[in-house]
Amino acid sequence: QVQLVESGGGLVQAGGSLRLSCAASGNTFRRYAMGWFRQAPGKEREVVAAISSSGVTIYYTDSVKGRFTMSRDNAKNTVYLQMNSLKPEDTAVYYCAAVFTPAYSFYTPKQGHEYNAFGQGTQVTVSS
């Protein structure tokens, strides 16, 4: 089972930026589709972005399109979420997720149950 560790969360003013990182264990990282989820207090967990194992396909939920960018660095076993123009409604705990897929896959899972590993989460707070 891959282990995931998120970092990079914090407190930022509206309009600011943060970059989240998620480091994965093991030597098969290039075979994993990766996702970022978030959960705000009193709300259900939602997908923010997902990237295929090939890196070719990236999905963004509508509310973050044009503001957030997800990327992966297979040499570093790491995925990133660059978050710009942050809004108070982006405040949540952000989780990284992983699922093993065929090589060179374009699969970008968008539901939590499609993943089999989650990190412990990192808090992002955007003040108005």
Foldseek 3Di string as FASTA:
>chain_A
DKAKAKDWADEEAAQAKIKMKIAIDDLPLLQKKKWKWWDDPPGDIFTAKIAHSLRPAIDGDPVQPPFWDWGDDSVRRMIMIIGGRDDQVVWTWMKMFIDGHDHNDRDTDGDPVRTDDIYPTDTHGYHD
